[in-house]
Amino acid sequence: MRSGTHQALDSQSPVLDDSGLSHAMPLFTKTVEPETPFKKNEIVKSTIDLPGVPQGTVGKVKVINGFTWTRYWVFFDNGVDMGQLDANDLVRPQHWDYFFEQKELAAERALAAAEAAANGTEATDAGAGAAAAADPNDPLARIRALVPLHLLERSAAARARMGG
């Protein structure tokens, strides 16, 4: 057998495009959403000040337990090992900014709802839904931008027909 045939099967070999430039081929990459549960040995950051762990401290998930309420044991970089941490107390480093922006948006929506309740009117979520849909900091915005608008409208109409 020639060595050229094995090179094509090697996952580390460069991929050449039409211009002759080599590109690394990201095979089987997967985008992780912020709501996805953490996995063992995943790197996380604390979102709040914990005893002995300042906000933003990096750590590694070591144990996951619980059925209805998932709790995490995290070994932080500053030497503190802490258990019984809720998913709201932790965030992936790549979702750090997104987490706090969503937290601010939720606080603004709650404030608007409280003001509307004080005025005796109902708060409308139409504006909030549009703002969330157009959120430029959404980690999946690039992927959603690849889907043509007519397909998004078609799926929204199908969900409306199904009652969802």
N, C-alpha and C. Protein backbone atom coordinates (compact mmCIF):
# COMPACT_ATOMS: atom_id res chain seq x y z
N MET A 1 0.84 -1.18 0.00
CA MET A 1 0.00 0.00 0.00
C MET A 1 0.88 1.24 0.00
N ARG A 2 0.38 2.25 -0.63
CA ARG A 2 1.13 3.50 -0.66
C ARG A 2 0.84 4.32 0.60
N SER A 3 1.81 5.12 0.99
CA SER A 3 1.62 5.92 2.20
C SER A 3 0.59 7.02 2.00
N GLY A 4 0.32 7.41 0.76
CA GLY A 4 -0.66 8.46 0.49
C GLY A 4 -2.08 8.06 0.87
N THR A 5 -2.40 6.77 0.79
CA THR A 5 -3.75 6.34 1.13
C THR A 5 -3.98 6.42 2.63
N HIS A 6 -2.95 6.17 3.42
CA HIS A 6 -3.11 6.27 4.87
C HIS A 6 -3.18 7.72 5.34
N GLN A 7 -2.54 8.60 4.60
CA GLN A 7 -2.54 10.00 5.00
C GLN A 7 -3.95 10.58 4.91
N ALA A 8 -4.75 10.15 3.95
CA ALA A 8 -6.11 10.66 3.82
C ALA A 8 -6.98 10.21 4.99
N LEU A 9 -6.66 9.08 5.58
CA LEU A 9 -7.45 8.58 6.70
C LEU A 9 -7.01 9.14 8.03
N ASP A 10 -5.86 9.77 8.07
CA ASP A 10 -5.33 10.31 9.32
C ASP A 10 -6.11 11.56 9.70
N SER A 11 -6.67 11.60 10.90
CA SER A 11 -7.47 12.74 11.33
C SER A 11 -6.64 13.99 11.59
N GLN A 12 -5.34 13.85 11.75
CA GLN A 12 -4.48 14.99 12.02
C GLN A 12 -3.95 15.64 10.76
N SER A 13 -4.17 15.01 9.61
CA SER A 13 -3.64 15.58 8.37
C SER A 13 -4.41 16.84 8.01
N PRO A 14 -3.73 17.83 7.42
CA PRO A 14 -4.41 19.08 7.08
C PRO A 14 -5.38 18.87 5.93
N VAL A 15 -6.40 19.69 5.89
CA VAL A 15 -7.38 19.67 4.82
C VAL A 15 -7.12 20.89 3.96
N LEU A 16 -7.01 20.67 2.66
CA LEU A 16 -6.74 21.77 1.73
C LEU A 16 -8.04 22.24 1.10
N ASP A 17 -8.23 23.56 1.06
CA ASP A 17 -9.40 24.10 0.38
C ASP A 17 -9.05 24.40 -1.06
N ASP A 18 -9.97 25.03 -1.80
CA ASP A 18 -9.76 25.30 -3.22
C ASP A 18 -8.56 26.19 -3.48
N SER A 19 -8.24 27.08 -2.53
CA SER A 19 -7.11 27.99 -2.73
C SER A 19 -5.78 27.34 -2.37
N GLY A 20 -5.80 26.13 -1.86
CA GLY A 20 -4.57 25.44 -1.49
C GLY A 20 -4.12 25.68 -0.07
N LEU A 21 -4.91 26.46 0.71
CA LEU A 21 -4.57 26.71 2.11
C LEU A 21 -5.01 25.53 2.96
N SER A 22 -4.22 25.22 3.96
CA SER A 22 -4.59 24.10 4.83
C SER A 22 -5.40 24.61 6.01
N HIS A 23 -6.38 23.84 6.40
CA HIS A 23 -7.24 24.17 7.53
C HIS A 23 -7.37 22.93 8.40
N ALA A 24 -7.43 23.13 9.70
CA ALA A 24 -7.70 22.01 10.60
C ALA A 24 -9.18 21.68 10.50
N MET A 25 -9.51 20.42 10.44
CA MET A 25 -10.89 20.00 10.30
C MET A 25 -11.46 19.70 11.68
N PRO A 26 -12.41 20.52 12.16
CA PRO A 26 -13.00 20.26 13.47
C PRO A 26 -14.06 19.18 13.38
N LEU A 27 -13.65 17.93 13.50
CA LEU A 27 -14.58 16.82 13.43
C LEU A 27 -15.30 16.63 14.75
N PHE A 28 -16.58 16.41 14.65
CA PHE A 28 -17.42 16.06 15.79
C PHE A 28 -17.38 17.10 16.90
N THR A 29 -17.30 18.36 16.55
CA THR A 29 -17.37 19.40 17.58
C THR A 29 -18.82 19.59 17.97
N LYS A 30 -19.03 19.98 19.19
CA LYS A 30 -20.38 20.14 19.71
C LYS A 30 -20.44 21.42 20.53
N THR A 31 -21.43 22.23 20.26
CA THR A 31 -21.62 23.45 21.02
C THR A 31 -22.39 23.12 22.29
N VAL A 32 -21.88 23.55 23.42
CA VAL A 32 -22.52 23.29 24.70
C VAL A 32 -23.35 24.51 25.07
N GLU A 33 -24.63 24.31 25.33
CA GLU A 33 -25.50 25.40 25.72
C GLU A 33 -25.32 25.69 27.21
N PRO A 34 -25.62 26.92 27.62
CA PRO A 34 -25.45 27.27 29.04
C PRO A 34 -26.30 26.43 29.99
N GLU A 35 -27.45 25.94 29.54
CA GLU A 35 -28.35 25.18 30.41
C GLU A 35 -27.99 23.71 30.51
N THR A 36 -27.01 23.26 29.75
CA THR A 36 -26.61 21.86 29.77
C THR A 36 -25.98 21.53 31.12
N PRO A 37 -26.38 20.42 31.75
CA PRO A 37 -25.77 20.05 33.04
C PRO A 37 -24.26 19.83 32.90
N PHE A 38 -23.55 20.10 33.97
CA PHE A 38 -22.11 19.93 33.97
C PHE A 38 -21.75 18.46 34.00
N LYS A 39 -20.58 18.14 33.49
CA LYS A 39 -20.07 16.77 33.51
C LYS A 39 -18.88 16.69 34.45
N LYS A 40 -18.55 15.47 34.85
CA LYS A 40 -17.41 15.25 35.72
C LYS A 40 -16.13 15.75 35.03
N ASN A 41 -15.25 16.38 35.80
CA ASN A 41 -13.97 16.95 35.35
C ASN A 41 -14.13 18.15 34.44
N GLU A 42 -15.32 18.74 34.38
CA GLU A 42 -15.52 19.94 33.57
C GLU A 42 -15.05 21.16 34.36
N ILE A 43 -14.45 22.11 33.67
CA ILE A 43 -13.97 23.34 34.29
C ILE A 43 -15.14 24.30 34.44
N VAL A 44 -15.29 24.89 35.63
CA VAL A 44 -16.38 25.82 35.93
C VAL A 44 -15.84 27.01 36.71
N LYS A 45 -16.68 28.06 36.83
CA LYS A 45 -16.38 29.23 37.65
C LYS A 45 -17.53 29.43 38.62
N SER A 46 -17.22 29.96 39.80
CA SER A 46 -18.28 30.25 40.77
C SER A 46 -18.93 31.59 40.41
N THR A 47 -20.27 31.62 40.45
CA THR A 47 -21.00 32.83 40.09
C THR A 47 -21.30 33.71 41.29
N ILE A 48 -21.10 33.18 42.47
CA ILE A 48 -21.36 33.94 43.69
C ILE A 48 -20.18 33.75 44.64
N ASP A 49 -20.11 34.61 45.65
CA ASP A 49 -19.11 34.43 46.69
C ASP A 49 -19.54 33.27 47.58
N LEU A 50 -18.68 32.29 47.72
CA LEU A 50 -18.92 31.13 48.57
C LEU A 50 -17.93 31.19 49.72
N PRO A 51 -18.17 30.49 50.81
CA PRO A 51 -17.21 30.50 51.92
C PRO A 51 -15.83 30.01 51.48
N GLY A 52 -14.87 30.92 51.46
CA GLY A 52 -13.50 30.59 51.06
C GLY A 52 -13.27 30.61 49.57
N VAL A 53 -14.32 30.91 48.79
CA VAL A 53 -14.21 30.91 47.33
C VAL A 53 -14.81 32.21 46.80
N PRO A 54 -13.97 33.14 46.36
CA PRO A 54 -14.51 34.38 45.78
C PRO A 54 -15.21 34.12 44.45
N GLN A 55 -16.09 35.04 44.09
CA GLN A 55 -16.79 34.94 42.81
C GLN A 55 -15.77 34.93 41.67
N GLY A 56 -15.98 34.05 40.69
CA GLY A 56 -15.11 33.97 39.54
C GLY A 56 -13.96 32.99 39.68
N THR A 57 -13.85 32.31 40.83
CA THR A 57 -12.78 31.34 41.02
C THR A 57 -13.03 30.12 40.15
N VAL A 58 -11.99 29.67 39.49
CA VAL A 58 -12.09 28.51 38.60
C VAL A 58 -11.94 27.23 39.41
N GLY A 59 -12.68 26.21 39.02
CA GLY A 59 -12.58 24.92 39.68
C GLY A 59 -12.95 23.81 38.71
N LYS A 60 -12.91 22.58 39.23
CA LYS A 60 -13.22 21.40 38.41
C LYS A 60 -14.28 20.58 39.13
N VAL A 61 -15.33 20.19 38.39
CA VAL A 61 -16.39 19.35 38.93
C VAL A 61 -15.83 17.96 39.16
N LYS A 62 -15.96 17.45 40.38
CA LYS A 62 -15.44 16.13 40.70
C LYS A 62 -16.53 15.10 40.96
N VAL A 63 -17.64 15.52 41.58
CA VAL A 63 -18.72 14.59 41.89
C VAL A 63 -20.04 15.25 41.53
N ILE A 64 -20.93 14.46 40.94
CA ILE A 64 -22.28 14.91 40.61
C ILE A 64 -23.24 13.97 41.30
N ASN A 65 -24.17 14.53 42.09
CA ASN A 65 -25.13 13.66 42.76
C ASN A 65 -26.49 14.32 42.82
N GLY A 66 -27.51 13.49 43.02
CA GLY A 66 -28.88 13.98 43.10
C GLY A 66 -29.70 13.56 41.90
N PHE A 67 -30.99 13.33 42.14
CA PHE A 67 -31.90 12.95 41.06
C PHE A 67 -32.77 14.12 40.65
N THR A 68 -33.51 14.67 41.60
CA THR A 68 -34.40 15.78 41.27
C THR A 68 -33.67 17.12 41.40
N TRP A 69 -32.70 17.21 42.26
CA TRP A 69 -31.89 18.42 42.41
C TRP A 69 -30.43 18.00 42.26
N THR A 70 -29.85 18.36 41.16
CA THR A 70 -28.47 17.97 40.90
C THR A 70 -27.53 18.90 41.66
N ARG A 71 -26.62 18.29 42.41
CA ARG A 71 -25.64 19.04 43.18
C ARG A 71 -24.25 18.64 42.72
N TYR A 72 -23.31 19.54 42.88
CA TYR A 72 -21.96 19.31 42.38
C TYR A 72 -20.94 19.51 43.50
N TRP A 73 -19.92 18.65 43.51
CA TRP A 73 -18.74 18.84 44.33
C TRP A 73 -17.68 19.42 43.40
N VAL A 74 -17.13 20.56 43.78
CA VAL A 74 -16.16 21.24 42.94
C VAL A 74 -14.88 21.45 43.73
N PHE A 75 -13.74 21.12 43.11
CA PHE A 75 -12.43 21.39 43.70
C PHE A 75 -11.92 22.65 43.03
N PHE A 76 -11.85 23.74 43.80
CA PHE A 76 -11.46 25.04 43.26
C PHE A 76 -9.95 25.19 43.24
N ASP A 77 -9.46 26.08 42.37
CA ASP A 77 -8.02 26.29 42.19
C ASP A 77 -7.34 26.87 43.44
N ASN A 78 -8.12 27.53 44.31
CA ASN A 78 -7.50 28.10 45.51
C ASN A 78 -7.38 27.09 46.65
N GLY A 79 -7.66 25.81 46.36
CA GLY A 79 -7.49 24.75 47.35
C GLY A 79 -8.73 24.38 48.13
N VAL A 80 -9.83 25.08 47.94
CA VAL A 80 -11.07 24.79 48.65
C VAL A 80 -11.88 23.77 47.86
N ASP A 81 -12.33 22.72 48.55
CA ASP A 81 -13.22 21.72 47.97
C ASP A 81 -14.60 21.95 48.57
N MET A 82 -15.61 22.11 47.72
CA MET A 82 -16.93 22.45 48.23
C MET A 82 -17.99 21.59 47.55
N GLY A 83 -18.93 21.10 48.34
CA GLY A 83 -20.02 20.28 47.83
C GLY A 83 -21.34 20.98 47.96
N GLN A 84 -22.41 20.31 47.52
CA GLN A 84 -23.78 20.81 47.58
C GLN A 84 -23.95 22.11 46.80
N LEU A 85 -23.23 22.26 45.70
CA LEU A 85 -23.36 23.47 44.89
C LEU A 85 -24.40 23.24 43.81
N ASP A 86 -25.29 24.19 43.68
CA ASP A 86 -26.33 24.14 42.67
C ASP A 86 -25.77 24.61 41.32
N ALA A 87 -26.45 24.25 40.24
CA ALA A 87 -26.00 24.68 38.91
C ALA A 87 -26.02 26.20 38.77
N ASN A 88 -26.86 26.89 39.53
CA ASN A 88 -26.90 28.36 39.48
C ASN A 88 -25.68 28.99 40.14
N ASP A 89 -24.95 28.22 40.93
CA ASP A 89 -23.75 28.73 41.58
C ASP A 89 -22.52 28.59 40.70
N LEU A 90 -22.66 27.89 39.56
CA LEU A 90 -21.52 27.58 38.69
C LEU A 90 -21.85 27.94 37.25
N VAL A 91 -20.81 28.23 36.49
CA VAL A 91 -20.99 28.53 35.07
C VAL A 91 -19.72 28.11 34.33
N ARG A 92 -19.87 27.73 33.08
CA ARG A 92 -18.70 27.43 32.26
C ARG A 92 -17.97 28.73 31.95
N PRO A 93 -16.64 28.71 31.88
CA PRO A 93 -15.91 29.96 31.61
C PRO A 93 -16.33 30.64 30.31
N GLN A 94 -16.67 29.88 29.27
CA GLN A 94 -17.06 30.50 28.02
C GLN A 94 -18.44 31.14 28.08
N HIS A 95 -19.23 30.81 29.10
CA HIS A 95 -20.56 31.40 29.27
C HIS A 95 -20.61 32.44 30.38
N TRP A 96 -19.46 32.87 30.88
CA TRP A 96 -19.38 33.79 32.02
C TRP A 96 -20.13 35.09 31.74
N ASP A 97 -19.81 35.79 30.66
CA ASP A 97 -20.46 37.06 30.34
C ASP A 97 -21.94 36.86 30.04
N TYR A 98 -22.26 35.82 29.30
CA TYR A 98 -23.65 35.53 28.95
C TYR A 98 -24.49 35.31 30.21
N PHE A 99 -23.95 34.61 31.21
CA PHE A 99 -24.69 34.33 32.44
C PHE A 99 -25.10 35.62 33.13
N PHE A 100 -24.17 36.56 33.26
CA PHE A 100 -24.48 37.78 33.98
C PHE A 100 -25.37 38.72 33.16
N GLU A 101 -25.25 38.70 31.84
CA GLU A 101 -26.14 39.50 31.01
C GLU A 101 -27.57 38.98 31.11
N GLN A 102 -27.72 37.67 31.13
CA GLN A 102 -29.06 37.09 31.29
C GLN A 102 -29.62 37.38 32.67
N LYS A 103 -28.76 37.41 33.67
CA LYS A 103 -29.18 37.73 35.02
C LYS A 103 -29.67 39.18 35.09
N GLU A 104 -28.95 40.10 34.41
CA GLU A 104 -29.38 41.50 34.37
C GLU A 104 -30.69 41.65 33.61
N LEU A 105 -30.85 40.93 32.49
CA LEU A 105 -32.11 40.99 31.74
C LEU A 105 -33.28 40.49 32.58
N ALA A 106 -33.07 39.42 33.34
CA ALA A 106 -34.12 38.89 34.21
C ALA A 106 -34.49 39.90 35.29
N ALA A 107 -33.48 40.59 35.83
CA ALA A 107 -33.75 41.60 36.85
C ALA A 107 -34.52 42.77 36.25
N GLU A 108 -34.17 43.17 35.03
CA GLU A 108 -34.91 44.26 34.36
C GLU A 108 -36.35 43.86 34.09
N ARG A 109 -36.56 42.61 33.66
CA ARG A 109 -37.92 42.13 33.41
C ARG A 109 -38.73 42.09 34.71
N ALA A 110 -38.10 41.65 35.79
CA ALA A 110 -38.80 41.61 37.08
C ALA A 110 -39.15 43.01 37.55
N LEU A 111 -38.24 43.96 37.34
CA LEU A 111 -38.50 45.35 37.71
C LEU A 111 -39.64 45.93 36.89
N ALA A 112 -39.66 45.64 35.58
CA ALA A 112 -40.73 46.12 34.71
C ALA A 112 -42.07 45.50 35.12
N ALA A 113 -42.05 44.22 35.49
CA ALA A 113 -43.28 43.55 35.92
C ALA A 113 -43.77 44.13 37.25
N ALA A 114 -42.83 44.45 38.15
CA ALA A 114 -43.22 45.05 39.43
C ALA A 114 -43.79 46.45 39.22
N GLU A 115 -43.19 47.22 38.32
CA GLU A 115 -43.71 48.57 38.03
C GLU A 115 -45.08 48.48 37.37
N ALA A 116 -45.25 47.51 36.48
CA ALA A 116 -46.54 47.33 35.82
C ALA A 116 -47.61 46.92 36.83
N ALA A 117 -47.24 46.06 37.77
CA ALA A 117 -48.19 45.64 38.80
C ALA A 117 -48.56 46.80 39.71
N ALA A 118 -47.59 47.68 40.00
CA ALA A 118 -47.86 48.84 40.84
C ALA A 118 -48.76 49.83 40.11
N ASN A 119 -48.65 49.91 38.79
CA ASN A 119 -49.48 50.82 38.00
C ASN A 119 -50.84 50.21 37.66
N GLY A 120 -51.02 48.93 37.94
CA GLY A 120 -52.28 48.27 37.66
C GLY A 120 -52.40 47.78 36.22
N THR A 121 -51.31 47.72 35.51
CA THR A 121 -51.34 47.21 34.13
C THR A 121 -50.58 45.90 34.08
N GLU A 122 -50.78 45.18 32.98
CA GLU A 122 -50.06 43.92 32.80
C GLU A 122 -48.79 44.16 32.02
N ALA A 123 -47.73 43.51 32.43
CA ALA A 123 -46.47 43.61 31.70
C ALA A 123 -46.53 42.71 30.50
N THR A 124 -46.09 43.21 29.35
CA THR A 124 -46.09 42.39 28.15
C THR A 124 -44.70 41.83 27.95
N ASP A 125 -44.64 40.55 27.63
CA ASP A 125 -43.36 39.89 27.38
C ASP A 125 -42.99 39.93 25.91
N ALA A 126 -43.79 40.59 25.08
CA ALA A 126 -43.48 40.62 23.65
C ALA A 126 -42.16 41.34 23.41
N GLY A 127 -41.97 42.45 24.06
CA GLY A 127 -40.72 43.19 23.90
C GLY A 127 -39.55 42.43 24.49
N ALA A 128 -39.78 41.77 25.60
CA ALA A 128 -38.70 41.00 26.22
C ALA A 128 -38.34 39.80 25.37
N GLY A 129 -39.34 39.15 24.77
CA GLY A 129 -39.06 38.02 23.90
C GLY A 129 -38.29 38.42 22.67
N ALA A 130 -38.63 39.58 22.10
CA ALA A 130 -37.90 40.06 20.93
C ALA A 130 -36.47 40.43 21.30
N ALA A 131 -36.29 41.00 22.49
CA ALA A 131 -34.94 41.36 22.92
C ALA A 131 -34.10 40.11 23.15
N ALA A 132 -34.72 39.07 23.70
CA ALA A 132 -33.97 37.82 23.92
C ALA A 132 -33.63 37.15 22.60
N ALA A 133 -34.55 37.24 21.62
CA ALA A 133 -34.28 36.61 20.34
C ALA A 133 -33.17 37.33 19.59
N ALA A 134 -33.06 38.64 19.79
CA ALA A 134 -32.03 39.42 19.09
C ALA A 134 -30.81 39.65 19.97
N ASP A 135 -30.66 38.88 21.02
CA ASP A 135 -29.53 39.06 21.94
C ASP A 135 -28.22 38.74 21.22
N PRO A 136 -27.35 39.74 21.04
CA PRO A 136 -26.10 39.48 20.32
C PRO A 136 -25.11 38.64 21.12
N ASN A 137 -25.33 38.48 22.41
CA ASN A 137 -24.41 37.72 23.25
C ASN A 137 -24.84 36.27 23.43
N ASP A 138 -25.88 35.87 22.73
CA ASP A 138 -26.34 34.50 22.78
C ASP A 138 -25.24 33.60 22.21
N PRO A 139 -24.78 32.58 22.98
CA PRO A 139 -23.69 31.75 22.48
C PRO A 139 -24.06 30.96 21.23
N LEU A 140 -25.34 30.78 20.96
CA LEU A 140 -25.76 30.02 19.78
C LEU A 140 -26.25 30.94 18.65
N ALA A 141 -26.03 32.25 18.76
CA ALA A 141 -26.52 33.19 17.76
C ALA A 141 -25.92 32.92 16.39
N ARG A 142 -24.64 32.56 16.34
CA ARG A 142 -24.00 32.27 15.05
C ARG A 142 -24.66 31.08 14.36
N ILE A 143 -25.01 30.07 15.15
CA ILE A 143 -25.63 28.88 14.57
C ILE A 143 -27.04 29.20 14.10
N ARG A 144 -27.79 29.96 14.92
CA ARG A 144 -29.14 30.33 14.53
C ARG A 144 -29.15 31.23 13.31
N ALA A 145 -28.11 32.03 13.14
CA ALA A 145 -28.03 32.92 11.98
C ALA A 145 -27.84 32.14 10.68
N LEU A 146 -27.37 30.91 10.76
CA LEU A 146 -27.16 30.10 9.57
C LEU A 146 -28.45 29.51 9.02
N VAL A 147 -29.50 29.47 9.84
CA VAL A 147 -30.77 28.89 9.41
C VAL A 147 -31.55 29.97 8.66
N PRO A 148 -32.02 29.68 7.44
CA PRO A 148 -32.76 30.67 6.67
C PRO A 148 -34.05 31.09 7.39
N LEU A 149 -34.43 32.34 7.22
CA LEU A 149 -35.58 32.91 7.91
C LEU A 149 -36.87 32.16 7.56
N HIS A 150 -37.03 31.76 6.30
CA HIS A 150 -38.27 31.08 5.92
C HIS A 150 -38.43 29.74 6.63
N LEU A 151 -37.30 29.08 6.96
CA LEU A 151 -37.39 27.82 7.71
C LEU A 151 -37.75 28.08 9.17
N LEU A 152 -37.23 29.16 9.73
CA LEU A 152 -37.60 29.51 11.10
C LEU A 152 -39.09 29.85 11.19
N GLU A 153 -39.59 30.59 10.19
CA GLU A 153 -41.01 30.93 10.18
C GLU A 153 -41.88 29.69 9.99
N ARG A 154 -41.43 28.77 9.14
CA ARG A 154 -42.18 27.53 8.90
C ARG A 154 -42.26 26.70 10.18
N SER A 155 -41.15 26.58 10.91
CA SER A 155 -41.17 25.79 12.14
C SER A 155 -41.99 26.47 13.23
N ALA A 156 -41.97 27.82 13.28
CA ALA A 156 -42.80 28.53 14.25
C ALA A 156 -44.28 28.31 13.96
N ALA A 157 -44.64 28.32 12.65
CA ALA A 157 -46.03 28.08 12.29
C ALA A 157 -46.43 26.65 12.64
N ALA A 158 -45.55 25.69 12.44
CA ALA A 158 -45.84 24.30 12.78
C ALA A 158 -46.02 24.14 14.29
N ARG A 159 -45.18 24.81 15.07
CA ARG A 159 -45.34 24.73 16.53
C ARG A 159 -46.66 25.35 16.96
N ALA A 160 -47.09 26.44 16.29
CA ALA A 160 -48.35 27.07 16.63
C ALA A 160 -49.52 26.15 16.29
N ARG A 161 -49.42 25.45 15.16
CA ARG A 161 -50.49 24.50 14.79
C ARG A 161 -50.59 23.36 15.78
N MET A 162 -49.44 22.93 16.30
CA MET A 162 -49.42 21.81 17.24
C MET A 162 -49.80 22.24 18.65
N GLY A 163 -49.93 23.52 18.85
CA GLY A 163 -50.33 24.03 20.17
C GLY A 163 -49.16 24.23 21.11
N GLY A 164 -47.95 24.30 20.60
CA GLY A 164 -46.77 24.44 21.44
C GLY A 164 -46.11 25.69 21.31
